Amino acid sequence: MANNTDLYNATLGQYGSSFITGDGATVDLNGSNATMFVIAITMLADTTFQNLQNYKGQIGSISTVTAENDHDARFGAATNATDITAAHTFPSGVTIFGRWDFVELNSGTCICYFAPQPFNLS
């Protein structure tokens, strides 16, 4: 079970954040030296993603990578998960939660909130 203090800190953005804006802006935390991952993304303008990759390629969060959207294998009863493409617009004010280690914008502006690796939610 996750430490309640870690969960509380992560939900309030106390592990840090990154403001990114415009086509090609990225947060890249998939390197071997990375100590954080993105736990939430808040849109400050209508936003589309070029890349949104799950933490360590795990299935579980929305993604632009087809293999990371095979929720049937992990959750059993999930129905056809759709890959996120640049055609999917997330409106200003929306926050999405998940676990990502690479975020690249196609358009828009957002804040990516961090949590420490490893962060076991089970």
Protein backbone atom coordinates (compact mmCIF):
# COMPACT_ATOMS: atom_id res chain seq x y z
CA MET A 1 0.00 0.00 0.00
CA ALA A 2 1.23 3.48 -0.81
CA ASN A 3 2.43 5.80 1.91
CA ASN A 4 -0.40 8.30 2.60
CA THR A 5 2.07 11.18 2.88
CA ASP A 6 3.45 10.36 -0.60
CA LEU A 7 -0.06 10.29 -2.05
CA TYR A 8 -0.96 13.57 -0.36
CA ASN A 9 2.23 15.29 -1.54
CA ALA A 10 1.79 14.02 -5.10
CA THR A 11 -1.82 15.23 -5.32
CA LEU A 12 -0.75 18.70 -4.23
CA GLY A 13 2.19 18.89 -6.62
CA GLN A 14 4.74 19.04 -3.82
CA TYR A 15 7.24 16.91 -5.74
CA GLY A 16 7.50 19.56 -8.45
CA SER A 17 6.06 20.37 -11.82
CA SER A 18 6.96 21.55 -15.28
CA PHE A 19 5.17 24.14 -17.43
CA ILE A 20 5.27 23.25 -21.13
CA THR A 21 3.75 25.08 -24.05
CA GLY A 22 3.57 24.72 -27.82
CA ASP A 23 4.33 22.13 -30.47
CA GLY A 24 7.24 19.87 -29.56
CA ALA A 25 7.51 20.91 -25.90
CA THR A 26 8.47 17.85 -23.83
CA VAL A 27 8.94 16.40 -20.39
CA ASP A 28 11.29 13.42 -20.76
CA LEU A 29 11.66 11.29 -17.63
CA ASN A 30 12.32 7.92 -19.24
CA GLY A 31 16.11 8.00 -18.95
CA SER A 32 18.02 5.70 -16.64
CA ASN A 33 18.84 8.60 -14.30
CA ALA A 34 15.25 9.81 -13.94
CA THR A 35 13.94 9.88 -10.37
CA MET A 36 10.40 11.13 -11.10
CA PHE A 37 7.44 10.41 -13.37
CA VAL A 38 4.43 12.51 -14.37
CA ILE A 39 1.42 11.71 -12.17
CA ALA A 40 -1.00 14.41 -13.38
CA ILE A 41 -1.34 16.88 -16.25
CA THR A 42 -3.46 20.04 -16.02
CA MET A 43 -4.39 21.77 -19.26
CA LEU A 44 -4.06 25.58 -19.17
CA ALA A 45 -5.28 25.88 -22.77
CA ASP A 46 -6.92 23.42 -25.15
CA THR A 47 -4.16 20.81 -25.55
CA THR A 48 -3.28 17.97 -27.90
CA PHE A 49 -0.47 15.46 -27.47
CA GLN A 50 2.09 14.21 -29.98
CA ASN A 51 3.41 11.62 -27.49
CA LEU A 52 2.06 10.48 -24.14
CA GLN A 53 3.95 7.39 -23.02
CA ASN A 54 3.18 5.30 -19.95
CA TYR A 55 5.73 4.98 -17.16
CA LYS A 56 8.21 2.25 -18.17
CA GLY A 57 5.83 1.12 -20.95
CA GLN A 58 3.34 -0.31 -18.48
CA ILE A 59 -0.32 -0.66 -19.40
CA GLY A 60 -2.60 1.46 -17.28
CA SER A 61 -2.81 5.10 -18.37
CA ILE A 62 -4.04 6.67 -21.59
CA SER A 63 -1.27 6.71 -24.16
CA THR A 64 -0.30 7.43 -27.74
CA VAL A 65 1.38 3.97 -27.88
CA THR A 66 -0.92 1.15 -29.07
CA ALA A 67 0.78 -1.57 -26.99
CA GLU A 68 0.28 0.52 -23.84
CA ASN A 69 -3.49 0.66 -24.46
CA ASP A 70 -4.11 -3.11 -24.34
CA HIS A 71 -6.14 -2.82 -21.16
CA ASP A 72 -7.95 -6.12 -21.83
CA ALA A 73 -4.80 -8.05 -20.90
CA ARG A 74 -4.34 -6.21 -17.60
CA PHE A 75 -7.86 -5.39 -16.45
CA GLY A 76 -9.85 -8.22 -18.03
CA ALA A 77 -13.16 -6.56 -18.81
CA ALA A 78 -11.91 -3.31 -20.31
CA THR A 79 -13.29 -2.44 -23.70
CA ASN A 80 -11.44 -1.12 -26.74
CA ALA A 81 -9.06 1.50 -25.40
CA THR A 82 -8.30 4.17 -27.98
CA ASP A 83 -4.84 5.51 -28.70
CA ILE A 84 -4.57 9.22 -27.98
CA THR A 85 -3.75 11.15 -31.15
CA ALA A 86 -3.33 14.80 -32.05
CA ALA A 87 -7.02 14.73 -33.04
CA HIS A 88 -8.03 14.36 -29.36
CA THR A 89 -8.28 17.76 -27.69
CA PHE A 90 -8.19 18.06 -23.90
CA PRO A 91 -9.96 21.31 -22.96
CA SER A 92 -8.52 24.00 -20.74
CA GLY A 93 -9.07 23.31 -17.05
CA VAL A 94 -9.08 19.51 -17.33
CA THR A 95 -6.64 17.46 -15.26
CA ILE A 96 -5.79 13.88 -16.24
CA PHE A 97 -4.15 11.45 -13.84
CA GLY A 98 -1.91 8.51 -14.63
CA ARG A 99 1.74 7.49 -14.78
CA TRP A 100 3.79 8.79 -17.71
CA ASP A 101 7.51 9.17 -18.31
CA PHE A 102 7.36 11.04 -21.62
CA VAL A 103 5.01 13.88 -22.57
CA GLU A 104 5.24 15.77 -25.86
CA LEU A 105 2.75 18.41 -26.91
CA ASN A 106 1.32 18.82 -30.38
CA SER A 107 -0.34 22.07 -29.29
CA GLY A 108 -1.52 23.86 -26.17
CA THR A 109 -0.16 24.55 -22.71
CA CYS A 110 -0.10 22.39 -19.60
CA ILE A 111 1.53 21.75 -16.25
CA CYS A 112 2.97 18.27 -15.63
CA TYR A 113 3.09 17.26 -11.95
CA PHE A 114 5.75 14.86 -10.70
CA ALA A 115 5.89 11.97 -8.25
CA PRO A 116 8.96 9.98 -7.17
CA GLN A 117 9.98 6.62 -8.67
CA PRO A 118 9.08 4.02 -7.52
CA PHE A 119 5.61 4.98 -6.41
CA ASN A 120 3.65 1.83 -5.62
CA LEU A 121 -0.09 2.45 -5.60
CA SER A 122 -1.07 -1.14 -4.82
